Amino acid sequence: MSPADFRRYALFYLGYYGALGAYTPYIGRWVVANGHGGYAVGAMLALWYGGRIVAPPTWARLSTRSPHPGHWLVAGCLLSLLGFCAFTGFNTGAMLFVTMAWFGVFFNAVMPQFEAMTLSALGDRNHDYGRIRMWGSIGFLIVAGSYGWLLDRLGNDAFVWLTLPWLALTVVASWLHRGDRPIPAAPAAHAGAPALALWRRVGVRRLLLVAMLMQLGFGPFYVFFTLHLQANGHDGFAVGVLWAIGVLCEILMFWQAPRLVQRFGAQRLMTACLVATALRWAMVALLGSSFAWMALAQTGHAFSFAAFHAGCMRRMAELFPQRRDMAAAQGMLYGFSGGIGGVAGAGIAAVAWQTGGGQRAFLLGAVIAVLALVVHLVPVRLLRAQPAT
């Protein structure tokens, strides 16, 4: 990949995750400020993750069959921008949720396509993925670290207007990829049921289940972390700093991820990540009033998100070495883990929040992380116990 290509791919990640850095930490605060409760916050995030169930695999089929996949990327980013613009007029009632569904479908549709484009462009150098993806973390850091302070001063109504420029940047960045060549299509022999064929590959179902459980355990964090911190006495500036700490550690980990993946392998790296995640959620649940402990917990984002994500991408590259399978495989990963896991995680987190507050919600996240660890490890031990053939 040339330096010019690196910049093109990095710019898209910067804009996309910059927008996500506004949405994920502060959508709950904006919804509550408009008079809604915890269930409404959970419903908003469930609709967001619900978009990952249907949109990615559908979008992957359409874009891979097109002679101009870059046009689909531009269209998805433009429709995402238009959908988010609607929040300026709809912040209550049924239209709030309709708007959320629209935005969630198109915003979630484009990233699996772009991930496949990135891995395809990297080819055999897929271990360098983390150094491109790191720019997404930089965008998230800039926004998540500053918007708490900005919203304290400008008011919660500024949330939508502060997010729109980042979505506009994704449109500009996608335009730079409008002429990208399509990923080689699958042969006709494989065109009948590609998703089923991919699903049946050895190791795929276990990877998807572990990724889904990890996302399920992240439900309290993505939906209620900001509100949990506010409930424990932290102001907007402190909330922004804590988000920034997590993302800064994420960036540093993405920079080192290629070395870690090559040295330890994806399986062992993901094991360490699951252990760190369980400890992290327990810490957030029990020590939420302490800024120092929350700062320490946020350093765990390096493993919970960055290293785990890099490990998943390495496993995807190992399981799907042929470029023609990448878009469909990425869509399946996003739909199964981010979609199903995200919807269920948001719903479970909302119930736990309403019945027991942040402590119950994050303890539940810790339990789910332990369950994911068990699923990740047990099949490996069973396979090792089988005699060689």
Protein backbone atom coordinates (compact mmCIF):
# COMPACT_ATOMS: atom_id res chain seq x y z
CA MET A 1 0.00 0.00 0.00
CA SER A 2 1.44 3.36 -1.07
CA PRO A 3 1.60 6.38 1.30
CA ALA A 4 -1.18 8.05 -0.72
CA ASP A 5 -3.42 5.00 -0.35
CA PHE A 6 -2.61 4.83 3.35
CA ARG A 7 -3.82 8.42 3.77
CA ARG A 8 -7.04 7.69 1.84
CA TYR A 9 -7.93 4.75 4.06
CA ALA A 10 -6.83 6.50 7.26
CA LEU A 11 -8.98 9.56 6.47
CA PHE A 12 -12.14 7.47 6.22
CA TYR A 13 -11.46 5.80 9.57
CA LEU A 14 -10.77 9.23 11.08
CA GLY A 15 -14.12 10.65 9.98
CA TYR A 16 -16.19 7.55 10.66
CA TYR A 17 -14.95 6.99 14.18
CA GLY A 18 -14.91 10.72 14.88
CA ALA A 19 -18.68 10.64 14.32
CA LEU A 20 -18.89 7.52 16.46
CA GLY A 21 -16.92 9.33 19.18
CA ALA A 22 -19.77 11.80 19.43
CA TYR A 23 -22.57 9.29 19.13
CA THR A 24 -21.48 6.51 21.48
CA PRO A 25 -20.54 8.52 24.59
CA TYR A 26 -23.14 11.27 24.33
CA ILE A 27 -26.32 10.01 22.62
CA GLY A 28 -27.59 8.78 26.01
CA ARG A 29 -26.97 12.17 27.58
CA TRP A 30 -28.83 13.87 24.70
CA VAL A 31 -31.80 11.49 24.94
CA VAL A 32 -32.09 11.93 28.72
CA ALA A 33 -31.81 15.73 28.33
CA ASN A 34 -34.85 15.56 26.04
CA GLY A 35 -36.95 14.02 28.80
CA HIS A 36 -36.53 10.28 28.18
CA GLY A 37 -35.51 7.53 30.61
CA GLY A 38 -33.21 4.53 30.62
CA TYR A 39 -35.48 2.34 28.52
CA ALA A 40 -35.56 4.97 25.75
CA VAL A 41 -31.77 5.18 25.81
CA GLY A 42 -31.61 1.40 25.56
CA ALA A 43 -34.11 1.42 22.68
CA MET A 44 -32.06 4.01 20.79
CA LEU A 45 -28.92 1.91 21.08
CA ALA A 46 -30.84 -1.27 20.26
CA LEU A 47 -32.05 0.32 17.02
CA TRP A 48 -28.48 1.40 16.33
CA TYR A 49 -27.16 -2.13 16.74
CA GLY A 50 -30.20 -3.56 14.98
CA GLY A 51 -28.96 -1.87 11.85
CA ARG A 52 -25.94 -4.16 12.01
CA ILE A 53 -28.07 -7.27 11.66
CA VAL A 54 -29.70 -6.54 8.31
CA ALA A 55 -27.64 -3.78 6.70
CA PRO A 56 -24.08 -5.23 6.52
CA PRO A 57 -24.84 -8.54 4.76
CA THR A 58 -27.32 -6.86 2.40
CA TRP A 59 -24.91 -4.05 1.62
CA ALA A 60 -22.07 -6.51 1.13
CA ARG A 61 -24.03 -8.44 -1.50
CA LEU A 62 -24.98 -5.27 -3.35
CA SER A 63 -21.52 -3.70 -3.27
CA THR A 64 -19.61 -6.86 -4.23
CA ARG A 65 -21.87 -7.42 -7.25
CA SER A 66 -21.42 -3.85 -8.44
CA PRO A 67 -18.68 -2.90 -10.92
CA HIS A 68 -18.36 0.36 -8.94
CA PRO A 69 -18.35 -0.58 -5.21
CA GLY A 70 -16.96 2.83 -4.31
CA HIS A 71 -20.25 4.39 -5.44
CA TRP A 72 -22.08 2.31 -2.85
CA LEU A 73 -19.70 3.54 -0.17
CA VAL A 74 -20.39 7.18 -1.12
CA ALA A 75 -24.15 6.58 -1.20
CA GLY A 76 -24.16 4.94 2.25
CA CYS A 77 -22.18 7.80 3.81
CA LEU A 78 -24.42 10.42 2.20
CA LEU A 79 -27.60 8.68 3.41
CA SER A 80 -26.08 8.46 6.91
CA LEU A 81 -25.45 12.20 6.91
CA LEU A 82 -28.99 12.95 5.74
CA GLY A 83 -30.42 10.63 8.38
CA PHE A 84 -28.53 12.28 11.21
CA CYS A 85 -29.60 15.70 9.96
CA ALA A 86 -33.17 14.66 10.79
CA PHE A 87 -32.30 14.69 14.52
CA THR A 88 -32.31 18.49 14.30
CA GLY A 89 -36.10 18.30 13.91
CA PHE A 90 -37.01 15.07 15.69
CA ASN A 91 -35.89 14.67 19.30
CA THR A 92 -39.11 13.27 20.83
CA GLY A 93 -41.91 10.94 19.85
CA ALA A 94 -41.99 8.11 17.35
CA MET A 95 -40.00 10.02 14.73
CA LEU A 96 -36.99 10.01 17.07
CA PHE A 97 -36.85 6.24 16.77
CA VAL A 98 -37.62 6.23 13.03
CA THR A 99 -34.72 8.61 12.50
CA MET A 100 -32.50 6.43 14.65
CA ALA A 101 -33.40 3.36 12.59
CA TRP A 102 -32.60 5.18 9.33
CA PHE A 103 -29.24 6.41 10.56
CA GLY A 104 -28.35 3.07 12.14
CA VAL A 105 -29.01 1.13 8.94
CA PHE A 106 -26.85 3.20 6.62
CA PHE A 107 -24.05 4.14 9.01
CA ASN A 108 -23.57 0.51 10.01
CA ALA A 109 -23.83 -0.72 6.42
CA VAL A 110 -20.69 0.97 5.11
CA MET A 111 -18.03 -0.06 7.63
CA PRO A 112 -18.00 -3.83 6.86
CA GLN A 113 -17.64 -2.93 3.18
CA PHE A 114 -14.77 -0.59 3.99
CA GLU A 115 -13.09 -3.11 6.31
CA ALA A 116 -13.15 -5.63 3.45
CA MET A 117 -11.70 -3.00 1.10
CA THR A 118 -8.93 -2.28 3.61
CA LEU A 119 -8.00 -5.93 4.16
CA SER A 120 -8.09 -6.53 0.42
CA ALA A 121 -5.79 -3.57 -0.23
CA LEU A 122 -3.36 -4.79 2.46
CA GLY A 123 -3.21 -8.30 1.02
CA ASP A 124 -0.54 -10.37 2.75
CA ARG A 125 0.32 -7.43 5.02
CA ASN A 126 -2.94 -7.76 6.98
CA HIS A 127 -0.96 -7.47 10.23
CA ASP A 128 -0.55 -3.75 9.39
CA TYR A 129 -4.29 -3.25 9.71
CA GLY A 130 -3.94 -1.78 13.21
CA ARG A 131 -1.81 1.14 12.00
CA ILE A 132 -4.53 2.23 9.59
CA ARG A 133 -7.40 1.56 12.01
CA MET A 134 -5.52 3.62 14.62
CA TRP A 135 -6.63 6.79 12.81
CA GLY A 136 -10.21 5.92 13.62
CA SER A 137 -9.22 5.85 17.26
CA ILE A 138 -7.61 9.28 16.90
CA GLY A 139 -10.90 10.69 15.57
CA PHE A 140 -12.79 9.05 18.42
CA LEU A 141 -10.27 10.46 20.94
CA ILE A 142 -10.58 14.03 19.66
CA VAL A 143 -14.36 13.99 19.89
CA ALA A 144 -15.03 11.86 22.96
CA GLY A 145 -12.39 13.72 24.96
CA SER A 146 -13.72 17.20 24.20
CA TYR A 147 -17.47 16.97 23.65
CA GLY A 148 -18.36 16.46 27.32
CA TRP A 149 -16.77 19.80 28.13
CA LEU A 150 -18.35 21.42 25.05
CA LEU A 151 -21.84 20.16 25.88
CA ASP A 152 -21.50 21.48 29.44
CA ARG A 153 -20.94 24.95 27.95
CA LEU A 154 -23.02 24.91 24.76
CA GLY A 155 -25.91 22.83 26.05
CA ASN A 156 -27.09 19.36 25.07
CA ASP A 157 -28.92 20.69 22.00
CA ALA A 158 -25.51 21.26 20.39
CA PHE A 159 -24.90 17.50 20.25
CA VAL A 160 -26.39 17.01 16.78
CA TRP A 161 -24.68 20.07 15.27
CA LEU A 162 -21.31 19.04 16.69
CA THR A 163 -21.64 15.56 15.15
CA LEU A 164 -22.65 16.56 11.62
CA PRO A 165 -19.18 17.81 10.49
CA TRP A 166 -17.67 14.39 11.16
CA LEU A 167 -20.35 12.69 9.11
CA ALA A 168 -19.67 15.19 6.33
CA LEU A 169 -16.01 14.17 6.50
CA THR A 170 -16.96 10.53 5.88
CA VAL A 171 -18.75 11.64 2.70
CA VAL A 172 -15.63 13.48 1.52
CA ALA A 173 -13.37 10.55 2.43
CA SER A 174 -15.65 8.02 0.70
CA TRP A 175 -15.52 10.14 -2.46
CA LEU A 176 -11.77 9.44 -2.61
CA HIS A 177 -12.64 5.72 -2.92
CA ARG A 178 -15.35 6.10 -5.55
CA GLY A 179 -13.11 4.61 -8.25
CA ASP A 180 -11.69 1.71 -6.25
CA ARG A 181 -11.74 -1.58 -8.12
CA PRO A 182 -14.12 -4.28 -6.90
CA ILE A 183 -12.95 -7.18 -4.78
CA PRO A 184 -12.76 -10.28 -7.04
CA ALA A 185 -16.16 -11.98 -7.19
CA ALA A 186 -16.74 -15.53 -6.12
CA PRO A 187 -16.87 -18.18 -8.86
CA ALA A 188 -20.32 -19.24 -10.03
CA ALA A 189 -19.95 -22.55 -8.19
CA HIS A 190 -19.93 -20.68 -4.90
CA ALA A 191 -22.64 -18.17 -5.72
CA GLY A 192 -25.59 -20.27 -4.54
CA ALA A 193 -25.28 -19.99 -0.75
CA PRO A 194 -22.11 -18.06 0.12
CA ALA A 195 -23.17 -17.16 3.65
CA LEU A 196 -23.94 -20.79 4.52
CA ALA A 197 -20.62 -21.94 3.08
CA LEU A 198 -18.74 -19.35 5.10
CA TRP A 199 -20.69 -20.22 8.25
CA ARG A 200 -19.69 -23.89 7.98
CA ARG A 201 -15.95 -23.25 7.98
CA VAL A 202 -14.12 -24.67 10.98
CA GLY A 203 -13.62 -22.03 13.68
CA VAL A 204 -16.04 -19.48 12.27
CA ARG A 205 -18.99 -20.17 14.58
CA ARG A 206 -16.83 -20.07 17.71
CA LEU A 207 -15.22 -16.79 16.66
CA LEU A 208 -18.61 -15.22 15.94
CA LEU A 209 -20.04 -16.40 19.28
CA VAL A 210 -17.07 -15.04 21.24
CA ALA A 211 -17.27 -11.72 19.39
CA MET A 212 -21.02 -11.58 20.00
CA LEU A 213 -20.60 -12.20 23.74
CA MET A 214 -17.87 -9.55 23.95
CA GLN A 215 -20.24 -7.06 22.31
CA LEU A 216 -23.05 -8.18 24.63
CA GLY A 217 -20.85 -7.42 27.64
CA PHE A 218 -20.02 -4.00 26.20
CA GLY A 219 -23.73 -3.07 26.31
CA PRO A 220 -23.59 -1.23 29.66
CA PHE A 221 -20.45 0.63 28.58
CA TYR A 222 -21.76 1.91 25.26
CA VAL A 223 -25.24 2.74 26.58
CA PHE A 224 -24.70 3.95 30.13
CA PHE A 225 -21.01 4.65 30.89
CA THR A 226 -21.42 8.44 30.63
CA LEU A 227 -24.62 8.36 32.70
CA HIS A 228 -22.98 6.02 35.24
CA LEU A 229 -20.10 8.47 35.65
CA GLN A 230 -22.48 11.42 36.02
CA ALA A 231 -24.50 9.48 38.61
CA ASN A 232 -21.27 8.99 40.57
CA GLY A 233 -20.53 12.71 40.64
CA HIS A 234 -18.20 13.22 37.64
CA ASP A 235 -18.75 16.38 35.55
CA GLY A 236 -18.58 16.68 31.77
CA PHE A 237 -14.87 17.48 31.74
CA ALA A 238 -14.04 14.41 33.85
CA VAL A 239 -16.25 12.24 31.66
CA GLY A 240 -14.45 13.48 28.55
CA VAL A 241 -11.04 12.87 30.12
CA LEU A 242 -12.00 9.31 31.05
CA TRP A 243 -13.23 8.57 27.54
CA ALA A 244 -10.02 10.10 26.20
CA ILE A 245 -7.86 7.90 28.43
CA GLY A 246 -9.56 4.81 27.07
CA VAL A 247 -9.17 5.85 23.45
CA LEU A 248 -5.56 6.99 23.91
CA CYS A 249 -4.70 3.54 25.25
CA GLU A 250 -6.62 2.09 22.31
CA ILE A 251 -4.50 4.10 19.87
CA LEU A 252 -1.25 2.97 21.48
CA MET A 253 -2.43 -0.62 21.38
CA PHE A 254 -3.44 -0.43 17.72
CA TRP A 255 0.10 0.79 16.97
CA GLN A 256 1.59 -2.20 18.78
CA ALA A 257 -1.07 -4.72 17.75
CA PRO A 258 0.80 -6.01 14.66
CA ARG A 259 3.76 -7.04 16.81
CA LEU A 260 1.55 -8.64 19.46
CA VAL A 261 -0.50 -10.56 16.91
CA GLN A 262 2.62 -11.84 15.17
CA ARG A 263 4.35 -12.77 18.44
CA PHE A 264 1.50 -14.35 20.41
CA GLY A 265 -1.08 -15.22 17.76
CA ALA A 266 -4.72 -14.19 17.69
CA GLN A 267 -5.97 -16.96 20.02
CA ARG A 268 -3.70 -16.18 22.98
CA LEU A 269 -4.08 -12.44 22.51
CA MET A 270 -7.88 -12.71 22.59
CA THR A 271 -7.68 -14.81 25.77
CA ALA A 272 -5.76 -12.04 27.54
CA CYS A 273 -8.29 -9.49 26.28
CA LEU A 274 -11.26 -11.39 27.69
CA VAL A 275 -9.62 -11.69 31.13
CA ALA A 276 -8.81 -7.95 31.14
CA THR A 277 -12.37 -7.10 30.12
CA ALA A 278 -13.97 -9.06 32.95
CA LEU A 279 -11.73 -7.27 35.46
CA ARG A 280 -12.46 -3.92 33.85
CA TRP A 281 -16.26 -4.17 34.12
CA ALA A 282 -16.05 -5.34 37.73
CA MET A 283 -13.92 -2.31 38.54
CA VAL A 284 -16.34 0.10 36.85
CA ALA A 285 -19.27 -1.46 38.73
CA LEU A 286 -17.75 -1.32 42.20
CA LEU A 287 -15.49 1.77 42.12
CA GLY A 288 -17.43 4.22 39.95
CA SER A 289 -17.08 7.19 42.33
CA SER A 290 -13.26 7.18 42.14
CA PHE A 291 -11.72 9.05 39.21
CA ALA A 292 -8.39 7.25 39.72
CA TRP A 293 -9.95 3.79 39.59
CA MET A 294 -12.05 4.75 36.57
CA ALA A 295 -8.91 6.01 34.83
CA LEU A 296 -7.23 2.66 35.54
CA ALA A 297 -10.29 0.81 34.27
CA GLN A 298 -10.22 2.84 31.07
CA THR A 299 -6.67 1.75 30.32
CA GLY A 300 -8.23 -1.69 29.90
CA HIS A 301 -9.77 -0.44 26.66
CA ALA A 302 -6.43 -1.21 25.04
CA PHE A 303 -7.21 -4.91 25.48
CA SER A 304 -11.02 -4.92 25.63
CA PHE A 305 -11.36 -3.17 22.29
CA ALA A 306 -8.15 -2.54 20.35
CA ALA A 307 -6.23 -5.78 20.87
CA PHE A 308 -9.41 -7.86 20.74
CA HIS A 309 -10.48 -6.18 17.49
CA ALA A 310 -7.04 -6.69 15.95
CA GLY A 311 -7.14 -10.33 17.02
CA CYS A 312 -10.57 -10.76 15.43
CA MET A 313 -9.37 -9.19 12.19
CA ARG A 314 -6.36 -11.53 12.15
CA ARG A 315 -8.64 -14.54 12.69
CA MET A 316 -10.92 -13.31 9.91
CA ALA A 317 -7.95 -13.06 7.57
CA GLU A 318 -6.89 -16.59 8.56
CA LEU A 319 -10.36 -18.06 8.15
CA PHE A 320 -11.12 -16.23 4.90
CA PRO A 321 -7.82 -15.94 3.00
CA GLN A 322 -9.53 -15.46 -0.37
CA ARG A 323 -10.35 -11.84 -1.14
CA ARG A 324 -13.68 -12.69 -2.74
CA ASP A 325 -15.00 -13.90 0.65
CA MET A 326 -13.98 -10.86 2.67
CA ALA A 327 -17.00 -8.59 2.18
CA ALA A 328 -19.52 -11.34 2.96
CA ALA A 329 -17.46 -12.52 5.96
CA GLN A 330 -17.16 -9.00 7.38
CA GLY A 331 -20.90 -8.49 6.94
CA MET A 332 -21.54 -11.73 8.80
CA LEU A 333 -19.22 -10.69 11.64
CA TYR A 334 -20.87 -7.28 12.00
CA GLY A 335 -24.38 -8.71 11.75
CA PHE A 336 -23.87 -11.56 14.20
CA SER A 337 -21.61 -9.92 16.78
CA GLY A 338 -22.22 -6.20 16.52
CA GLY A 339 -25.84 -6.64 15.46
CA ILE A 340 -27.25 -9.42 17.61
CA GLY A 341 -24.79 -8.81 20.44
CA GLY A 342 -25.36 -5.07 20.30
CA VAL A 343 -29.16 -5.26 20.34
CA ALA A 344 -29.22 -7.82 23.14
CA GLY A 345 -26.54 -5.94 25.06
CA ALA A 346 -28.43 -2.65 24.87
CA GLY A 347 -31.67 -4.31 25.97
CA ILE A 348 -30.10 -6.21 28.87
CA ALA A 349 -28.18 -3.12 29.96
CA ALA A 350 -31.37 -1.02 29.96
CA VAL A 351 -33.20 -3.53 32.17
CA ALA A 352 -30.22 -3.83 34.53
CA TRP A 353 -29.88 -0.03 34.70
CA GLN A 354 -33.56 0.50 35.49
CA THR A 355 -33.62 -2.21 38.17
CA GLY A 356 -30.21 -1.88 39.79
CA GLY A 357 -28.35 1.08 38.34
CA GLY A 358 -24.86 1.10 36.94
CA GLN A 359 -23.46 -1.34 39.47
CA ARG A 360 -25.78 -4.14 38.41
CA ALA A 361 -25.35 -3.35 34.72
CA PHE A 362 -21.55 -3.47 34.77
CA LEU A 363 -21.36 -6.53 37.02
CA LEU A 364 -23.52 -8.27 34.45
CA GLY A 365 -21.03 -7.18 31.78
CA ALA A 366 -18.22 -8.80 33.79
CA VAL A 367 -20.14 -12.08 34.02
CA ILE A 368 -20.73 -12.08 30.27
CA ALA A 369 -17.00 -11.49 29.63
CA VAL A 370 -16.21 -14.56 31.76
CA LEU A 371 -18.73 -16.58 29.73
CA ALA A 372 -17.03 -15.42 26.51
CA LEU A 373 -13.68 -16.55 27.94
CA VAL A 374 -15.09 -20.02 28.64
CA VAL A 375 -16.47 -20.31 25.09
CA HIS A 376 -13.13 -19.16 23.71
CA LEU A 377 -11.02 -21.63 25.69
CA VAL A 378 -13.02 -24.84 26.03
CA PRO A 379 -13.07 -25.83 22.32
CA VAL A 380 -9.29 -25.32 22.13
CA ARG A 381 -8.75 -27.77 24.98
CA LEU A 382 -11.12 -30.30 23.43
CA LEU A 383 -9.37 -30.10 20.09
CA ARG A 384 -6.00 -30.62 21.75
CA ALA A 385 -7.36 -33.69 23.52
CA GLN A 386 -8.33 -35.39 20.25
CA PRO A 387 -5.82 -37.85 18.80
CA ALA A 388 -4.05 -36.81 15.65
CA THR A 389 -5.21 -38.34 12.38
